[in-house]
Protein backbone atom coordinates (compact mmCIF):
# COMPACT_ATOMS: atom_id res chain seq x y z
CA UNK A 1 23.10 -60.90 -12.10
CA UNK A 2 22.97 -58.59 -9.12
CA UNK A 3 20.24 -58.28 -6.57
CA UNK A 4 19.21 -54.94 -8.08
CA UNK A 5 17.29 -56.68 -10.85
CA UNK A 6 13.85 -58.22 -10.47
CA UNK A 7 11.85 -60.53 -12.69
CA UNK A 8 9.23 -57.88 -13.48
CA UNK A 9 11.91 -55.62 -14.95
CA UNK A 10 13.50 -58.49 -16.82
CA UNK A 11 10.15 -59.65 -18.21
CA UNK A 12 9.06 -56.19 -19.41
CA UNK A 13 12.45 -55.51 -20.96
CA UNK A 14 12.51 -58.91 -22.70
CA UNK A 15 9.01 -58.30 -24.09
CA UNK A 16 10.01 -54.92 -25.51
CA UNK A 17 13.18 -56.35 -27.02
CA UNK A 18 11.35 -59.27 -28.63
CA UNK A 19 8.69 -56.93 -30.01
CA UNK A 20 11.23 -54.58 -31.56
CA UNK A 21 13.22 -57.38 -33.16
CA UNK A 22 10.06 -59.03 -34.50
CA UNK A 23 8.87 -55.71 -35.93
CA UNK A 24 12.24 -55.13 -37.55
CA UNK A 25 12.22 -58.58 -39.16
CA UNK A 26 8.68 -58.14 -40.46
CA UNK A 27 9.24 -54.65 -41.87
CA UNK A 28 12.57 -55.63 -43.37
CA UNK A 29 10.69 -57.48 -46.11
CA UNK A 30 9.03 -54.21 -47.18
CA UNK A 31 12.32 -52.35 -47.77
CA UNK A 32 13.03 -52.84 -51.46
CA UNK A 33 16.25 -51.40 -52.86
CA UNK A 34 17.97 -48.17 -51.89
CA UNK A 35 14.74 -46.14 -51.88
CA UNK A 36 13.23 -48.44 -49.26
CA UNK A 37 16.38 -48.86 -47.19
CA UNK A 38 17.35 -45.17 -46.95
CA UNK A 39 13.96 -43.39 -47.22
CA UNK A 40 11.18 -45.94 -46.54
CA UNK A 41 10.04 -45.42 -50.18
CA UNK A 42 9.00 -41.85 -49.25
CA UNK A 43 5.58 -43.13 -48.21
CA UNK A 44 5.52 -42.48 -44.44
CA UNK A 45 2.47 -40.44 -43.38
CA UNK A 46 3.06 -36.96 -42.01
CA UNK A 47 1.58 -37.73 -38.58
CA UNK A 48 3.62 -40.93 -38.19
CA UNK A 49 6.72 -39.07 -39.34
CA UNK A 50 6.04 -36.26 -36.84
CA UNK A 51 5.83 -38.65 -33.89
CA UNK A 52 8.87 -40.48 -35.29
CA UNK A 53 10.67 -37.11 -35.18
CA UNK A 54 9.87 -37.06 -31.47
CA UNK A 55 11.04 -40.65 -31.00
CA UNK A 56 14.24 -39.86 -32.86
CA UNK A 57 14.90 -36.56 -31.08
CA UNK A 58 13.82 -37.42 -27.52
CA UNK A 59 16.91 -39.40 -26.78
CA UNK A 60 19.17 -40.05 -23.81
CA UNK A 61 19.93 -36.34 -23.56
CA UNK A 62 16.30 -35.29 -23.59
CA UNK A 63 14.95 -37.82 -21.10
CA UNK A 64 17.87 -38.89 -18.93
CA UNK A 65 20.20 -35.91 -19.22
CA UNK A 66 17.72 -33.05 -18.85
CA UNK A 67 15.80 -34.72 -16.01
CA UNK A 68 19.12 -35.35 -14.25
CA UNK A 69 20.29 -31.76 -14.66
CA UNK A 70 16.98 -30.40 -13.34
CA UNK A 71 17.09 -32.85 -10.42
CA UNK A 72 20.57 -31.64 -9.42
CA UNK A 73 20.56 -27.97 -10.43
CA UNK A 74 16.97 -26.87 -10.93
CA UNK A 75 15.99 -24.53 -13.75
CA UNK A 76 19.40 -24.73 -15.44
CA UNK A 77 18.54 -28.15 -16.84
CA UNK A 78 15.31 -26.78 -18.31
CA UNK A 79 17.34 -24.27 -20.33
CA UNK A 80 18.50 -27.23 -22.44
CA UNK A 81 14.84 -28.05 -23.12
CA UNK A 82 14.21 -24.49 -24.26
CA UNK A 83 17.21 -24.57 -26.58
CA UNK A 84 16.34 -27.97 -28.05
CA UNK A 85 12.74 -26.95 -28.72
CA UNK A 86 13.63 -23.54 -30.17
CA UNK A 87 15.84 -25.30 -32.71
CA UNK A 88 12.75 -26.84 -34.32
CA UNK A 89 11.56 -23.36 -35.30
CA UNK A 90 14.67 -23.07 -37.49
CA UNK A 91 14.00 -26.53 -38.88
CA UNK A 92 10.38 -25.60 -39.72
CA UNK A 93 10.97 -22.15 -41.18
CA UNK A 94 14.32 -22.63 -42.90
CA UNK A 95 15.15 -26.25 -43.67
CA UNK A 96 12.08 -28.50 -43.95
CA UNK A 97 10.73 -27.59 -47.39
CA UNK A 98 14.02 -26.99 -49.29
CA UNK A 99 15.56 -30.21 -47.95
CA UNK A 100 12.54 -32.27 -49.02
CA UNK A 101 12.43 -30.58 -52.42
CA UNK A 102 16.11 -31.10 -53.28
CA UNK A 103 17.30 -34.28 -51.58
CA UNK A 104 16.76 -38.00 -51.94
CA UNK A 105 18.57 -39.93 -49.22
CA UNK A 106 21.38 -37.98 -47.48
CA UNK A 107 22.47 -34.48 -46.41
CA UNK A 108 24.97 -34.42 -49.31
CA UNK A 109 22.14 -35.10 -51.80
CA UNK A 110 20.54 -31.72 -51.01
CA UNK A 111 23.84 -29.91 -51.55
CA UNK A 112 24.66 -31.84 -54.71
CA UNK A 113 21.27 -31.10 -56.22
CA UNK A 114 22.76 -27.71 -56.98
CA UNK A 115 26.50 -28.29 -57.30
CA UNK A 116 27.11 -31.90 -58.31
CA UNK A 117 30.60 -31.61 -56.85
CA UNK A 118 32.74 -34.48 -55.56
CA UNK A 119 34.40 -32.10 -53.10
CA UNK A 120 31.03 -31.14 -51.62
CA UNK A 121 30.06 -34.82 -51.47
CA UNK A 122 33.18 -35.78 -49.53
CA UNK A 123 32.94 -32.81 -47.16
CA UNK A 124 29.25 -33.43 -46.43
CA UNK A 125 29.80 -37.18 -46.07
CA UNK A 126 32.67 -36.77 -43.60
CA UNK A 127 30.67 -34.19 -41.64
CA UNK A 128 27.66 -36.52 -41.45
CA UNK A 129 29.84 -39.39 -40.27
CA UNK A 130 31.67 -37.41 -37.57
CA UNK A 131 28.58 -35.60 -36.26
CA UNK A 132 26.72 -38.93 -36.08
CA UNK A 133 29.58 -40.49 -34.12
CA UNK A 134 29.78 -37.49 -31.79
CA UNK A 135 26.04 -37.63 -31.15
CA UNK A 136 26.19 -41.39 -30.60
CA UNK A 137 28.31 -40.97 -27.47
CA UNK A 138 25.57 -39.69 -25.11
CA UNK A 139 23.08 -42.20 -26.46
CA UNK A 140 25.35 -45.13 -25.62
CA UNK A 141 26.20 -43.63 -22.23
CA UNK A 142 22.48 -43.31 -21.48
CA UNK A 143 21.72 -46.84 -22.64
CA UNK A 144 24.34 -48.30 -20.34
CA UNK A 145 23.09 -46.19 -17.43
CA UNK A 146 19.56 -47.52 -17.92
CA UNK A 147 20.46 -51.18 -18.18
CA UNK A 148 22.56 -51.27 -14.99
CA UNK A 149 19.68 -50.82 -12.49
CA UNK A 150 17.04 -52.32 -14.80
CA UNK A 151 18.67 -55.73 -15.21
CA UNK A 152 21.36 -55.57 -12.54
CA UNK A 153 24.22 -55.98 -15.03
CA UNK A 154 27.39 -53.90 -15.61
CA UNK A 155 27.30 -50.70 -17.66
CA UNK A 156 29.18 -52.26 -20.56
CA UNK A 157 26.50 -54.92 -21.02
CA UNK A 158 23.91 -52.20 -21.71
CA UNK A 159 26.21 -50.55 -24.24
CA UNK A 160 26.83 -53.85 -26.05
CA UNK A 161 23.13 -54.71 -25.97
CA UNK A 162 21.96 -51.48 -27.57
CA UNK A 163 24.78 -51.67 -30.13
CA UNK A 164 23.80 -55.21 -31.11
CA UNK A 165 20.07 -54.49 -31.38
CA UNK A 166 20.62 -51.28 -33.37
CA UNK A 167 22.97 -53.03 -35.75
CA UNK A 168 20.31 -55.69 -36.34
CA UNK A 169 17.57 -53.09 -36.97
CA UNK A 170 19.58 -50.97 -39.39
CA UNK A 171 21.26 -53.85 -41.18
CA UNK A 172 18.01 -55.75 -41.76
CA UNK A 173 15.32 -53.15 -42.45
CA UNK A 174 16.84 -49.67 -42.66
CA UNK A 175 14.51 -46.66 -42.54
CA UNK A 176 11.25 -48.62 -42.68
CA UNK A 177 11.88 -50.37 -39.38
CA UNK A 178 13.65 -47.36 -37.83
CA UNK A 179 10.63 -45.13 -38.52
CA UNK A 180 8.13 -47.42 -36.83
CA UNK A 181 10.42 -48.11 -33.88
CA UNK A 182 10.75 -44.35 -33.39
CA UNK A 183 7.00 -43.79 -33.78
CA UNK A 184 6.01 -46.44 -31.23
CA UNK A 185 8.66 -45.53 -28.70
CA UNK A 186 8.02 -41.78 -29.02
CA UNK A 187 4.32 -42.28 -28.37
CA UNK A 188 4.92 -44.61 -25.43
CA UNK A 189 7.48 -42.30 -23.84
CA UNK A 190 5.07 -39.37 -23.98
CA UNK A 191 2.24 -41.46 -22.52
CA UNK A 192 4.26 -42.99 -19.68
CA UNK A 193 5.91 -39.72 -18.70
CA UNK A 194 2.46 -38.12 -18.54
CA UNK A 195 1.39 -40.88 -16.15
CA UNK A 196 4.55 -40.40 -14.06
CA UNK A 197 3.96 -36.64 -13.80
CA UNK A 198 0.38 -37.35 -12.70
CA UNK A 199 1.73 -39.55 -9.90
CA UNK A 200 4.21 -36.84 -8.87
CA UNK A 201 1.42 -34.26 -8.63
CA UNK A 202 -0.75 -36.72 -6.71
CA UNK A 203 2.01 -37.37 -4.17
CA UNK A 204 2.86 -33.70 -3.61
CA UNK A 205 5.71 -32.82 -1.21
CA UNK A 206 6.72 -34.26 2.15
CA UNK A 207 9.19 -32.84 4.68
CA UNK A 208 12.17 -35.15 5.28
CA UNK A 209 15.45 -34.64 7.10
CA UNK A 210 18.27 -34.96 4.53
CA UNK A 211 20.65 -36.36 7.17
CA UNK A 212 24.37 -35.67 7.50
CA UNK A 213 27.04 -35.46 4.84
CA UNK A 214 28.30 -38.82 3.61
CA UNK A 215 30.86 -40.34 1.30
CA UNK A 216 30.05 -39.85 -2.37
CA UNK A 217 28.31 -41.21 -4.27
CA UNK A 218 25.31 -40.88 -1.95
CA UNK A 219 22.18 -42.83 -2.82
CA UNK A 220 18.56 -42.33 -1.84
CA UNK A 221 18.88 -38.58 -1.25
CA UNK A 222 16.94 -35.46 -2.19
CA UNK A 223 14.10 -33.98 -0.17
CA UNK A 224 12.06 -30.97 0.87
CA UNK A 225 13.24 -29.77 4.29
CA UNK A 226 10.59 -27.09 4.90
CA UNK A 227 7.15 -26.31 3.46
CA UNK A 228 5.19 -23.05 3.67
CA UNK A 229 2.46 -23.30 6.30
CA UNK A 230 -0.26 -22.41 3.79
CA UNK A 231 0.65 -25.50 1.74
CA UNK A 232 0.27 -27.97 4.64
CA UNK A 233 -3.47 -28.65 5.16
CA UNK A 234 -4.71 -28.59 8.75
CA UNK A 235 -1.32 -27.97 10.35
CA UNK A 236 -1.56 -28.45 14.11
CA UNK A 237 0.76 -28.98 17.04
CA UNK A 238 2.49 -31.82 15.21
CA UNK A 239 3.20 -29.59 12.22
CA UNK A 240 3.31 -26.10 13.67
CA UNK A 241 4.96 -23.42 11.56
CA UNK A 242 8.04 -21.62 12.82
CA UNK A 243 8.49 -17.84 13.13
CA UNK A 244 9.21 -17.63 9.40
CA UNK A 245 5.94 -19.36 8.53
CA UNK A 246 7.68 -22.59 7.42
CA UNK A 247 6.77 -26.09 8.58
CA UNK A 248 9.82 -28.27 9.32
CA UNK A 249 8.14 -31.18 11.09
CA UNK A 250 9.24 -34.56 9.73
CA UNK A 251 6.44 -36.13 7.67
CA UNK A 252 4.41 -32.96 7.10
CA UNK A 253 2.96 -33.12 3.60
CA UNK A 254 0.94 -31.09 1.13
CA UNK A 255 -1.31 -33.71 -0.40
CA UNK A 256 -2.14 -33.70 -4.13
CA UNK A 257 -1.27 -30.57 -6.12
CA UNK A 258 -2.20 -29.17 -9.50
CA UNK A 259 0.49 -28.36 -12.11
CA UNK A 260 0.61 -24.63 -11.28
CA UNK A 261 0.25 -25.18 -7.54
CA UNK A 262 3.13 -27.69 -7.63
CA UNK A 263 5.52 -25.03 -8.95
CA UNK A 264 4.14 -22.42 -6.54
CA UNK A 265 4.68 -24.66 -3.50
CA UNK A 266 8.15 -25.70 -4.69
CA UNK A 267 9.14 -22.06 -5.12
CA UNK A 268 8.05 -21.25 -1.54
CA UNK A 269 9.74 -24.33 0.00
CA UNK A 270 13.25 -25.13 1.21
CA UNK A 271 14.99 -27.97 -0.63
CA UNK A 272 18.03 -30.10 0.20
CA UNK A 273 20.16 -30.06 -2.95
CA UNK A 274 23.19 -32.35 -2.83
CA UNK A 275 26.63 -31.11 -3.79
CA UNK A 276 29.91 -33.02 -4.11
CA UNK A 277 33.06 -31.58 -2.51
CA UNK A 278 36.64 -32.75 -1.99
CA UNK A 279 37.73 -33.06 1.64
CA UNK A 280 41.34 -33.61 2.75
CA UNK A 281 42.21 -36.81 4.61
CA UNK A 282 44.82 -37.22 7.38
CA UNK A 283 47.27 -38.82 4.95
CA UNK A 284 47.24 -35.78 2.66
CA UNK A 285 44.90 -37.24 0.03
CA UNK A 286 41.29 -36.16 -0.70
CA UNK A 287 37.95 -37.92 -0.63
CA UNK A 288 34.62 -37.04 -2.26
CA UNK A 289 31.90 -35.98 0.18
CA UNK A 290 28.21 -35.46 -0.63
CA UNK A 291 26.64 -32.67 1.43
CA UNK A 292 23.02 -31.50 1.59
CA UNK A 293 22.74 -27.80 0.88
CA UNK A 294 19.49 -26.17 1.98
CA UNK A 295 18.37 -23.88 -0.84
CA UNK A 296 15.19 -21.89 -1.34
CA UNK A 297 13.03 -23.37 -4.07
CA UNK A 298 12.69 -19.92 -5.61
CA UNK A 299 16.48 -19.85 -6.13
CA UNK A 300 16.41 -23.26 -7.80
CA UNK A 301 13.81 -21.95 -10.26
CA UNK A 302 16.26 -19.27 -11.38
CA UNK A 303 19.14 -19.95 -13.80
CA UNK A 304 22.80 -19.87 -12.82
CA UNK A 305 23.10 -22.65 -10.21
CA UNK A 306 25.06 -25.19 -12.27
CA UNK A 307 28.71 -24.90 -13.36
CA UNK A 308 27.58 -24.84 -17.01
CA UNK A 309 25.47 -21.71 -16.50
CA UNK A 310 27.45 -20.02 -13.73
CA UNK A 311 28.09 -17.14 -16.13
CA UNK A 312 24.56 -15.91 -15.51
CA UNK A 313 25.50 -15.04 -11.90
CA UNK A 314 29.29 -14.84 -11.77
CA UNK A 315 29.61 -11.64 -13.78
CA UNK A 316 32.52 -13.14 -15.76
CA UNK A 317 32.45 -12.10 -19.41
CA UNK A 318 33.85 -15.46 -20.56
CA UNK A 319 31.23 -17.37 -18.57
CA UNK A 320 28.46 -15.30 -20.15
CA UNK A 321 29.90 -15.86 -23.61
CA UNK A 322 30.07 -19.59 -22.89
CA UNK A 323 26.38 -19.65 -21.98
CA UNK A 324 25.37 -17.62 -25.05
CA UNK A 325 27.44 -19.93 -27.25
CA UNK A 326 25.76 -23.06 -25.89
CA UNK A 327 22.26 -21.64 -26.42
CA UNK A 328 23.21 -20.59 -29.96
CA UNK A 329 24.39 -24.15 -30.67
CA UNK A 330 21.17 -25.66 -29.32
CA UNK A 331 19.06 -23.19 -31.31
CA UNK A 332 20.86 -23.81 -34.61
CA UNK A 333 21.97 -27.40 -34.11
CA UNK A 334 18.64 -29.20 -34.60
CA UNK A 335 18.34 -28.16 -38.23
CA UNK A 336 21.91 -29.39 -38.79
CA UNK A 337 21.69 -32.93 -37.40
CA UNK A 338 22.03 -35.52 -40.18
CA UNK A 339 19.66 -38.07 -38.62
CA UNK A 340 16.95 -35.36 -38.38
CA UNK A 341 17.49 -34.12 -41.94
CA UNK A 342 17.11 -37.57 -43.52
CA UNK A 343 13.66 -37.98 -41.94
CA UNK A 344 12.36 -35.39 -44.41
CA UNK A 345 12.97 -37.84 -47.25
CA UNK A 346 10.55 -40.40 -45.80
CA UNK A 347 7.43 -38.33 -46.65
CA UNK A 348 5.99 -37.91 -50.12
CA UNK A 349 5.99 -34.12 -50.62
CA UNK A 350 6.86 -30.69 -49.24
CA UNK A 351 3.48 -30.24 -47.53
CA UNK A 352 3.94 -33.50 -45.62
CA UNK A 353 7.42 -32.40 -44.56
CA UNK A 354 6.01 -29.18 -43.13
CA UNK A 355 3.09 -30.90 -41.36
CA UNK A 356 5.32 -33.59 -39.85
CA UNK A 357 7.57 -30.85 -38.43
CA UNK A 358 4.56 -29.17 -36.79
CA UNK A 359 3.48 -32.49 -35.24
CA UNK A 360 7.05 -33.08 -34.04
CA UNK A 361 7.20 -29.63 -32.43
CA UNK A 362 3.94 -30.29 -30.57
CA UNK A 363 5.02 -33.70 -29.28
CA UNK A 364 8.53 -32.57 -28.34
CA UNK A 365 7.30 -29.37 -26.69
CA UNK A 366 4.80 -31.31 -24.60
CA UNK A 367 7.50 -33.70 -23.48
CA UNK A 368 9.87 -30.90 -22.45
CA UNK A 369 7.18 -29.40 -20.22
CA UNK A 370 6.94 -32.81 -18.53
CA UNK A 371 10.71 -32.88 -17.92
CA UNK A 372 10.41 -29.89 -15.56
CA UNK A 373 8.03 -31.82 -13.29
CA UNK A 374 10.05 -35.03 -13.62
CA UNK A 375 13.27 -33.26 -12.62
CA UNK A 376 11.75 -31.40 -9.66
CA UNK A 377 9.96 -34.56 -8.56
CA UNK A 378 13.26 -36.44 -8.63
CA UNK A 379 14.99 -33.62 -6.71
CA UNK A 380 12.50 -33.88 -3.83
CA UNK A 381 11.51 -37.55 -3.97
CA UNK A 382 14.37 -39.04 -1.94
CA UNK A 383 15.66 -41.33 -4.70
CA UNK A 384 18.63 -39.49 -6.21
CA UNK A 385 22.01 -41.08 -6.79
CA UNK A 386 24.69 -38.36 -6.66
CA UNK A 387 27.03 -40.60 -8.63
CA UNK A 388 24.83 -40.78 -11.76
CA UNK A 389 22.59 -37.87 -12.72
CA UNK A 390 21.42 -39.77 -15.82
CA UNK A 391 19.42 -42.18 -13.63
CA UNK A 392 17.30 -39.53 -11.87
CA UNK A 393 14.09 -40.12 -13.83
CA UNK A 394 14.18 -43.95 -13.77
CA UNK A 395 14.94 -43.96 -10.03
CA UNK A 396 12.00 -41.58 -9.55
CA UNK A 397 9.79 -44.09 -11.37
CA UNK A 398 11.09 -46.86 -9.10
CA UNK A 399 9.67 -44.99 -6.09
CA UNK A 400 6.19 -45.67 -7.51
CA UNK A 401 6.78 -49.40 -8.01
CA UNK A 402 8.85 -51.85 -9.98
CA UNK A 403 6.32 -52.14 -12.84
CA UNK A 404 6.43 -48.41 -13.64
CA UNK A 405 10.21 -48.43 -13.26
CA UNK A 406 10.49 -51.32 -15.71
CA UNK A 407 8.13 -49.66 -18.20
CA UNK A 408 9.79 -46.23 -18.04
CA UNK A 409 13.29 -47.69 -18.27
CA UNK A 410 12.39 -50.03 -21.12
CA UNK A 411 10.67 -47.34 -23.16
CA UNK A 412 13.50 -44.88 -22.45
CA UNK A 413 16.01 -47.53 -23.49
CA UNK A 414 14.25 -48.14 -26.79
CA UNK A 415 13.80 -44.43 -27.39
CA UNK A 416 17.58 -44.29 -27.14
CA UNK A 417 17.54 -47.24 -29.51
CA UNK A 418 15.47 -45.27 -32.02
CA UNK A 419 17.87 -42.32 -31.91
CA UNK A 420 20.90 -44.54 -32.30
CA UNK A 421 19.21 -46.29 -35.23
CA UNK A 422 18.70 -42.95 -36.96
CA UNK A 423 22.29 -41.91 -36.34
CA UNK A 424 23.73 -45.20 -37.57
CA UNK A 425 21.46 -45.05 -40.63
CA UNK A 426 22.61 -41.48 -41.41
CA UNK A 427 26.26 -42.45 -41.02
CA UNK A 428 26.00 -45.65 -43.05
CA UNK A 429 24.13 -43.76 -45.79
CA UNK A 430 26.94 -41.20 -45.95
CA UNK A 431 29.46 -44.01 -46.37
CA UNK A 432 27.46 -45.93 -48.99
CA UNK A 433 26.21 -43.02 -51.10
CA UNK A 434 28.72 -40.22 -50.52
CA UNK A 435 32.19 -41.49 -49.60
CA UNK A 436 32.29 -44.78 -51.53
CA UNK A 437 30.79 -43.10 -54.59
CA UNK A 438 33.55 -40.50 -54.56
CA UNK A 439 36.26 -43.10 -53.97
CA UNK A 440 35.27 -45.32 -56.89
CA UNK A 441 34.16 -42.48 -59.17
CA UNK A 442 30.66 -43.82 -59.87
CA UNK A 443 27.42 -44.62 -58.11
CA UNK A 444 27.05 -48.33 -57.23
CA UNK A 445 23.80 -50.05 -58.17
CA UNK A 446 21.03 -50.10 -55.56
CA UNK A 447 21.82 -53.57 -54.27
CA UNK A 448 25.48 -52.64 -53.76
CA UNK A 449 24.51 -49.39 -51.99
CA UNK A 450 22.39 -51.32 -49.49
CA UNK A 451 25.10 -53.93 -48.95
CA UNK A 452 27.76 -51.26 -48.33
CA UNK A 453 25.41 -49.41 -45.96
CA UNK A 454 24.82 -52.57 -43.95
CA UNK A 455 28.54 -53.19 -43.58
CA UNK A 456 29.03 -49.56 -42.54
CA UNK A 457 26.20 -49.92 -40.00
CA UNK A 458 28.00 -52.83 -38.34
CA UNK A 459 31.22 -50.80 -38.17
CA UNK A 460 29.43 -47.74 -36.77
CA UNK A 461 27.67 -49.90 -34.19
CA UNK A 462 31.03 -51.22 -33.01
CA UNK A 463 32.48 -47.70 -32.87
CA UNK A 464 29.48 -46.47 -30.87
CA UNK A 465 30.01 -49.23 -28.30
CA UNK A 466 33.64 -48.24 -27.82
CA UNK A 467 32.70 -44.58 -27.35
CA UNK A 468 30.03 -45.59 -24.82
CA UNK A 469 32.73 -47.31 -22.73
CA UNK A 470 35.10 -44.32 -22.85
CA UNK A 471 32.63 -41.56 -21.86
CA UNK A 472 30.40 -43.41 -19.41
CA UNK A 473 30.85 -40.90 -16.55
CA UNK A 474 29.62 -37.73 -18.32
CA UNK A 475 26.08 -36.32 -18.30
CA UNK A 476 24.19 -37.07 -21.52
CA UNK A 477 22.90 -33.52 -22.09
CA UNK A 478 26.38 -32.11 -21.54
CA UNK A 479 27.75 -34.40 -24.28
CA UNK A 480 24.90 -33.55 -26.66
CA UNK A 481 25.72 -29.85 -26.21
CA UNK A 482 29.10 -30.58 -27.78
CA UNK A 483 27.48 -32.53 -30.63
CA UNK A 484 25.13 -29.62 -31.37
CA UNK A 485 28.11 -27.24 -31.48
CA UNK A 486 29.86 -29.39 -34.07
CA UNK A 487 26.71 -29.96 -36.17
CA UNK A 488 25.69 -26.29 -36.19
CA UNK A 489 29.22 -25.14 -37.07
CA UNK A 490 29.84 -27.66 -39.84
CA UNK A 491 26.45 -28.06 -41.53
CA UNK A 492 24.15 -25.07 -41.06
CA UNK A 493 26.22 -22.30 -42.74
CA UNK A 494 26.88 -24.56 -45.73
CA UNK A 495 23.24 -25.61 -45.93
CA UNK A 496 21.93 -22.04 -45.80
CA UNK A 497 24.47 -20.94 -48.44
CA UNK A 498 23.53 -23.78 -50.78
CA UNK A 499 19.78 -23.30 -50.37
CA UNK A 500 19.42 -19.52 -50.37
CA UNK A 501 22.52 -17.76 -51.74
CA UNK A 502 22.75 -17.66 -55.53
CA UNK A 503 26.45 -16.74 -55.56
CA UNK A 504 27.52 -19.72 -53.44
CA UNK A 505 29.99 -22.08 -55.11
CA UNK A 506 30.96 -25.69 -54.52
CA UNK A 507 34.35 -24.56 -53.24
CA UNK A 508 32.74 -22.13 -50.79
CA UNK A 509 30.26 -24.68 -49.43
CA UNK A 510 33.02 -27.28 -49.03
CA UNK A 511 35.24 -24.74 -47.26
CA UNK A 512 32.41 -23.81 -44.89
CA UNK A 513 31.83 -27.45 -43.92
CA UNK A 514 35.52 -28.21 -43.39
CA UNK A 515 36.16 -24.99 -41.46
CA UNK A 516 33.18 -25.50 -39.15
CA UNK A 517 33.97 -29.15 -38.57
CA UNK A 518 37.68 -28.74 -37.84
CA UNK A 519 37.40 -25.56 -35.77
CA UNK A 520 34.54 -26.79 -33.55
CA UNK A 521 36.11 -30.21 -32.95
CA UNK A 522 39.49 -28.65 -32.14
CA UNK A 523 37.89 -26.10 -29.80
CA UNK A 524 35.90 -28.74 -27.92
CA UNK A 525 38.94 -30.99 -27.48
CA UNK A 526 41.06 -28.21 -25.92
CA UNK A 527 38.28 -26.67 -23.81
CA UNK A 528 38.17 -26.41 -20.02
CA UNK A 529 35.36 -28.96 -19.76
CA UNK A 530 37.32 -31.47 -21.86
CA UNK A 531 40.40 -30.98 -19.69
CA UNK A 532 38.49 -31.49 -16.45
CA UNK A 533 35.90 -34.12 -17.43
CA UNK A 534 37.66 -36.12 -20.16
CA UNK A 535 41.41 -35.83 -19.61
CA UNK A 536 41.36 -35.32 -15.82
CA UNK A 537 43.58 -32.23 -16.12
CA UNK A 538 43.19 -28.84 -14.38
CA UNK A 539 40.79 -26.52 -16.18
CA UNK A 540 43.43 -23.79 -16.05
CA UNK A 541 45.46 -25.80 -18.61
CA UNK A 542 42.76 -25.39 -21.27
CA UNK A 543 43.76 -23.57 -24.43
CA UNK A 544 40.23 -22.37 -25.29
CA UNK A 545 38.97 -19.36 -23.29
CA UNK A 546 35.50 -20.97 -22.90
CA UNK A 547 34.04 -24.42 -23.58
CA UNK A 548 31.19 -23.92 -26.08
CA UNK A 549 32.60 -22.88 -29.49
CA UNK A 550 29.48 -22.15 -31.58
CA UNK A 551 29.53 -18.38 -31.08
CA UNK A 552 32.97 -18.33 -32.76
CA UNK A 553 32.92 -21.30 -35.12
CA UNK A 554 29.51 -20.72 -36.78
CA UNK A 555 30.40 -17.16 -37.93
CA UNK A 556 33.88 -18.39 -38.87
CA UNK A 557 32.44 -21.18 -41.03
CA UNK A 558 30.01 -18.77 -42.73
CA UNK A 559 32.69 -16.13 -43.31
CA UNK A 560 35.11 -18.62 -44.87
CA UNK A 561 32.34 -20.04 -47.07
CA UNK A 562 31.33 -16.59 -48.32
CA UNK A 563 34.93 -15.48 -48.90
CA UNK A 564 35.89 -18.64 -50.82
CA UNK A 565 32.71 -18.44 -52.93
CA UNK A 566 33.43 -14.84 -53.89
CA UNK A 567 37.09 -15.58 -54.66
CA UNK A 568 36.15 -18.66 -56.70
CA UNK A 569 33.66 -16.67 -58.79
CA UNK A 570 36.22 -13.92 -59.36
CA UNK A 571 38.82 -16.48 -60.43
């Protein structure tokens, strides 16, 4: 174990782990048959289910990825928060009540309530399985990133640990345990992040010299380099403002700030944002250099700083289309995620489904407001690691002491755990109830369904670990953007057709799912971002004109579904 770990962190983490495993074992006795394993007997209260929505949804991308993007690029990272939250409006107004009314355990159940088609079952089951695997990648990446500084162990240990614990939770207790793990961790994450934001506001800003450029990755960086004179109380000869009214004296500070005043001071300040560049070496090779770039805070509170959202400033049509496509995927993807959809089956009626969605929106919206302060606090707190944006929030917590760092990291880790549990449960349910049923031509009895689901959960856990190893260097929110593209393209057009269009047919719904799934996956795999960040190839070699496919693949999926339905009816 490396010197980076301390016994406080180890003790807090061990206590959380023991508590979760004990809870899972205890609740496992309450899960009777398929109804208990897949849907917690449909008896979860609407408030508990709403907070569990938050615990399920506020995953590695929401906490680690968004905070990291804000810490490195400013407002651009917050655009993910806006897109994620807006997606819940679609879930509330379009999906919540029909899904609860029609389904029992899985996404395919809702579609089959109308069609009863084996083709629809297979298409929906495969879509659920692939979307769950795609969404698992950023969760495992985030889990490994958290464990490394928390316990001082390699990244792969964190990936294996979360995979093992999730497999135990899902295999032993199913939805009953998963719901309560998500409820507890969602509540704790909201509470601890509120405390952390309070500490950030109490500390305010302090002027620090960023120092010279250095070899990347650079650690312990990020600072305010100049504050407006009106924000520095009692400035004197030791903190005299310059001709531009800015104070650049080392150590000058604002003191505590309110939430609005914090943003106002940041906007008027000058911030050292760190950027990575490639410099040539005498032998003709290149090396990565981290350089502090002094940027006005007001510029960082405008979109268009990051490579993902450069289209907002570059004027390039393709860049603007890429941005619009990503926001469309985030807006429509939430209502298409299998592990979110199955949560509607854990409540007793349509009213409870609607109320739990409202509670989830409130909790998730409150958390996303906190991420703005967490990201800006990390940007200016002098604790960034330019080699791992996913660790920005936990390293910020470490600046306030090892106990808070251990608590934040442990709760974040188990919030990731709750999301992974939901994903594995959705995938194993698709295998047990959708794919196996179609393969053998009949529905297994309840005991066999649960046994098959547990075996599938073990296999999915192993697959998630492997994916966590392969994609460890990518930002969690960036990866989730891809997952939302695939989910929105494959599931939402088919779901809307099945729920609201009377002329939809089984063939049309199946065609919509397959078209959206294949086209979005193919587009992502040949995109510029995949070439540069996954394959290590030049972006110019990409076959896709832009990286986010939703703006093309969602209409394509819907058009194919409508056309096939009309042709099938005519035939």
